[in-house]
C-alpha atoms as a PDB file:
ATOM      1  CA  UNK A   1     -14.746 -12.869  -2.736  1.00  0.00           C
ATOM      2  CA  UNK A   2     -11.563 -11.025  -1.839  1.00  0.00           C
ATOM      3  CA  UNK A   3     -11.367  -7.639  -0.152  1.00  0.00           C
ATOM      4  CA  UNK A   4      -8.510  -5.292   0.603  1.00  0.00           C
ATOM      5  CA  UNK A   5      -9.252  -2.773   3.339  1.00  0.00           C
ATOM      6  CA  UNK A   6      -6.914   0.139   3.999  1.00  0.00           C
ATOM      7  CA  UNK A   7      -6.687   2.476   6.955  1.00  0.00           C
ATOM      8  CA  UNK A   8      -4.374   5.096   8.378  1.00  0.00           C
ATOM      9  CA  UNK A   9      -4.592   8.008   5.980  1.00  0.00           C
ATOM     10  CA  UNK A  10      -5.165  11.567   7.103  1.00  0.00           C
ATOM     11  CA  UNK A  11      -3.854  15.107   7.254  1.00  0.00           C
ATOM     12  CA  UNK A  12      -0.340  15.787   8.489  1.00  0.00           C
ATOM     13  CA  UNK A  13       2.127  18.662   8.360  1.00  0.00           C
ATOM     14  CA  UNK A  14       5.248  18.470   6.245  1.00  0.00           C
ATOM     15  CA  UNK A  15       7.925  16.505   8.057  1.00  0.00           C
ATOM     16  CA  UNK A  16       5.372  14.398   9.878  1.00  0.00           C
ATOM     17  CA  UNK A  17       4.629  10.689   9.727  1.00  0.00           C
ATOM     18  CA  UNK A  18       1.730   8.399   8.938  1.00  0.00           C
ATOM     19  CA  UNK A  19       1.349   4.637   8.899  1.00  0.00           C
ATOM     20  CA  UNK A  20      -0.967   2.978   6.412  1.00  0.00           C
ATOM     21  CA  UNK A  21      -2.364  -0.502   6.957  1.00  0.00           C
ATOM     22  CA  UNK A  22      -3.978  -2.933   4.553  1.00  0.00           C
ATOM     23  CA  UNK A  23      -5.576  -6.293   5.230  1.00  0.00           C
ATOM     24  CA  UNK A  24      -6.649  -8.830   2.631  1.00  0.00           C
ATOM     25  CA  UNK A  25      -9.590 -11.002   3.598  1.00  0.00           C
ATOM     26  CA  UNK A  26     -11.942 -13.498   2.061  1.00  0.00           C
ATOM     27  CA  UNK A  27     -11.017 -16.343  -0.275  1.00  0.00           C
ATOM     28  CA  UNK A  28      -7.255 -15.869  -0.148  1.00  0.00           C
ATOM     29  CA  UNK A  29      -5.141 -18.991  -0.596  1.00  0.00           C
ATOM     30  CA  UNK A  30      -1.740 -17.363  -0.933  1.00  0.00           C
ATOM     31  CA  UNK A  31      -0.222 -13.971  -1.622  1.00  0.00           C
ATOM     32  CA  UNK A  32       2.534 -13.466  -4.167  1.00  0.00           C
ATOM     33  CA  UNK A  33       3.089  -9.791  -3.473  1.00  0.00           C
ATOM     34  CA  UNK A  34       1.539  -6.816  -1.730  1.00  0.00           C
ATOM     35  CA  UNK A  35       2.260  -3.187  -2.322  1.00  0.00           C
ATOM     36  CA  UNK A  36       1.161   0.417  -2.311  1.00  0.00           C
ATOM     37  CA  UNK A  37       0.388   2.761  -5.165  1.00  0.00           C
ATOM     38  CA  UNK A  38      -0.790   6.355  -5.143  1.00  0.00           C
ATOM     39  CA  UNK A  39      -2.607   8.742  -7.407  1.00  0.00           C
ATOM     40  CA  UNK A  40      -2.469  12.510  -7.094  1.00  0.00           C
ATOM     41  CA  UNK A  41      -5.093  14.740  -8.754  1.00  0.00           C
ATOM     42  CA  UNK A  42      -4.492  14.973 -12.482  1.00  0.00           C
ATOM     43  CA  UNK A  43      -1.737  12.358 -12.416  1.00  0.00           C
ATOM     44  CA  UNK A  44      -1.471   8.678 -13.225  1.00  0.00           C
ATOM     45  CA  UNK A  45      -1.392   6.052 -10.520  1.00  0.00           C
ATOM     46  CA  UNK A  46       2.213   5.275  -9.605  1.00  0.00           C
ATOM     47  CA  UNK A  47       4.047   2.625  -7.641  1.00  0.00           C
ATOM     48  CA  UNK A  48       5.131   3.619  -4.144  1.00  0.00           C
ATOM     49  CA  UNK A  49       6.475   0.348  -2.779  1.00  0.00           C
ATOM     50  CA  UNK A  50       6.054  -3.346  -3.357  1.00  0.00           C
ATOM     51  CA  UNK A  51       7.006  -6.418  -1.351  1.00  0.00           C
ATOM     52  CA  UNK A  52       6.950  -9.843  -3.018  1.00  0.00           C
ATOM     53  CA  UNK A  53       6.627 -12.843  -0.736  1.00  0.00           C
ATOM     54  CA  UNK A  54      10.164 -14.079  -0.207  1.00  0.00           C
ATOM     55  CA  UNK A  55      11.635 -11.366  -2.409  1.00  0.00           C
ATOM     56  CA  UNK A  56      13.247  -7.982  -2.031  1.00  0.00           C
ATOM     57  CA  UNK A  57      11.274  -4.775  -1.643  1.00  0.00           C
ATOM     58  CA  UNK A  58      11.152  -2.078  -4.287  1.00  0.00           C
ATOM     59  CA  UNK A  59      10.501   1.629  -3.804  1.00  0.00           C
ATOM     60  CA  UNK A  60       9.841   4.606  -6.008  1.00  0.00           C
ATOM     61  CA  UNK A  61      12.909   6.857  -6.089  1.00  0.00           C
ATOM     62  CA  UNK A  62      10.844   9.695  -4.634  1.00  0.00           C
ATOM     63  CA  UNK A  63      10.171   7.801  -1.385  1.00  0.00           C
ATOM     64  CA  UNK A  64      13.422   5.887  -0.854  1.00  0.00           C
ATOM     65  CA  UNK A  65      14.848   6.540   2.576  1.00  0.00           C
ATOM     66  CA  UNK A  66      11.552   7.950   3.854  1.00  0.00           C
ATOM     67  CA  UNK A  67       8.986   5.155   3.419  1.00  0.00           C
ATOM     68  CA  UNK A  68       9.185   1.558   4.622  1.00  0.00           C
ATOM     69  CA  UNK A  69       6.930  -1.267   3.510  1.00  0.00           C
ATOM     70  CA  UNK A  70       6.498  -4.297   5.744  1.00  0.00           C
ATOM     71  CA  UNK A  71       4.314  -7.359   6.079  1.00  0.00           C
ATOM     72  CA  UNK A  72       2.491  -7.822   9.349  1.00  0.00           C
ATOM     73  CA  UNK A  73       2.508 -10.667  11.831  1.00  0.00           C
ATOM     74  CA  UNK A  74      -1.199 -10.910  11.168  1.00  0.00           C
ATOM     75  CA  UNK A  75      -1.637 -12.932   8.032  1.00  0.00           C
ATOM     76  CA  UNK A  76      -2.258 -11.101   4.769  1.00  0.00           C
ATOM     77  CA  UNK A  77      -1.465  -7.622   6.035  1.00  0.00           C
ATOM     78  CA  UNK A  78       0.901  -4.981   4.752  1.00  0.00           C
ATOM     79  CA  UNK A  79       1.974  -1.647   6.191  1.00  0.00           C
ATOM     80  CA  UNK A  80       3.526   1.499   4.809  1.00  0.00           C
ATOM     81  CA  UNK A  81       5.411   3.638   7.301  1.00  0.00           C
ATOM     82  CA  UNK A  82       5.760   7.115   5.840  1.00  0.00           C
ATOM     83  CA  UNK A  83       8.237   9.495   7.467  1.00  0.00           C
ATOM     84  CA  UNK A  84       9.459  12.967   6.526  1.00  0.00           C
ATOM     85  CA  UNK A  85       6.314  13.524   4.516  1.00  0.00           C
ATOM     86  CA  UNK A  86       6.296  16.222   1.860  1.00  0.00           C
ATOM     87  CA  UNK A  87       3.394  18.110   0.247  1.00  0.00           C
ATOM     88  CA  UNK A  88       4.119  16.230  -2.981  1.00  0.00           C
ATOM     89  CA  UNK A  89       3.212  12.999  -1.188  1.00  0.00           C
ATOM     90  CA  UNK A  90      -0.398  14.172  -1.130  1.00  0.00           C
ATOM     91  CA  UNK A  91      -2.459  11.570  -2.981  1.00  0.00           C
ATOM     92  CA  UNK A  92      -4.950   8.768  -2.606  1.00  0.00           C
ATOM     93  CA  UNK A  93      -2.928   5.736  -1.600  1.00  0.00           C
ATOM     94  CA  UNK A  94      -4.096   2.301  -2.755  1.00  0.00           C
ATOM     95  CA  UNK A  95      -3.198  -1.126  -1.435  1.00  0.00           C
ATOM     96  CA  UNK A  96      -2.496  -3.766  -4.071  1.00  0.00           C
ATOM     97  CA  UNK A  97      -2.236  -7.537  -3.800  1.00  0.00           C
ATOM     98  CA  UNK A  98      -1.245 -10.197  -6.305  1.00  0.00           C
ATOM     99  CA  UNK A  99      -2.819 -13.298  -4.847  1.00  0.00           C
ATOM    100  CA  UNK A 100      -4.262 -16.723  -5.555  1.00  0.00           C
ATOM    101  CA  UNK A 101      -7.872 -17.361  -4.663  1.00  0.00           C
ATOM    102  CA  UNK A 102      -8.858 -20.428  -2.686  1.00  0.00           C
ATOM    103  CA  UNK A 103     -12.135 -20.810  -4.581  1.00  0.00           C
ATOM    104  CA  UNK A 104     -10.722 -21.486  -8.043  1.00  0.00           C
ATOM    105  CA  UNK A 105      -6.926 -21.336  -7.515  1.00  0.00           C
ATOM    106  CA  UNK A 106      -6.694 -18.445  -9.981  1.00  0.00           C
ATOM    107  CA  UNK A 107      -4.177 -15.662  -9.507  1.00  0.00           C
ATOM    108  CA  UNK A 108      -5.454 -12.136  -9.800  1.00  0.00           C
ATOM    109  CA  UNK A 109      -4.652  -8.587  -8.773  1.00  0.00           C
ATOM    110  CA  UNK A 110      -6.833  -6.772  -6.282  1.00  0.00           C
ATOM    111  CA  UNK A 111      -7.060  -3.157  -5.162  1.00  0.00           C
ATOM    112  CA  UNK A 112      -8.267  -1.505  -2.006  1.00  0.00           C
ATOM    113  CA  UNK A 113     -10.662   1.416  -2.002  1.00  0.00           C
ATOM    114  CA  UNK A 114      -7.914   3.955  -1.351  1.00  0.00           C
ATOM    115  CA  UNK A 115      -7.074   6.172   1.594  1.00  0.00           C
ATOM    116  CA  UNK A 116      -6.354   9.892   1.337  1.00  0.00           C
ATOM    117  CA  UNK A 117      -3.009  11.224   2.509  1.00  0.00           C
ATOM    118  CA  UNK A 118      -2.742  15.011   2.650  1.00  0.00           C
ATOM    119  CA  UNK A 119       0.484  16.768   3.620  1.00  0.00           C
ATOM    120  CA  UNK A 120       0.271  20.486   4.339  1.00  0.00           C
ATOM    121  CA  UNK A 121       3.230  22.800   3.905  1.00  0.00           C
END
């Protein structure tokens, strides 16, 4: 069993900052990539940022220069530092991991339960 648990969402005024955290636990052998997606009401889920292991990060154009994705010193964690937040950043933010399970060595994609980020104007 693999779980992704997110934390750090909340309500913030425009221009403020939030830091999201995500930890993968359970039968994790190795992680190929971790990232963040978000889904606003009535919209499709979209990529925010992704960070492959040993590769370069990728950001949605709408968050470049404001958000920073990083992997933690604690194994199997990823963070999203969100600065200069805008009302249009309001969405449920989901952690995503492309990983290989230790139980059967299969690679699969996992999602966290989501954390709400609300930015007031």
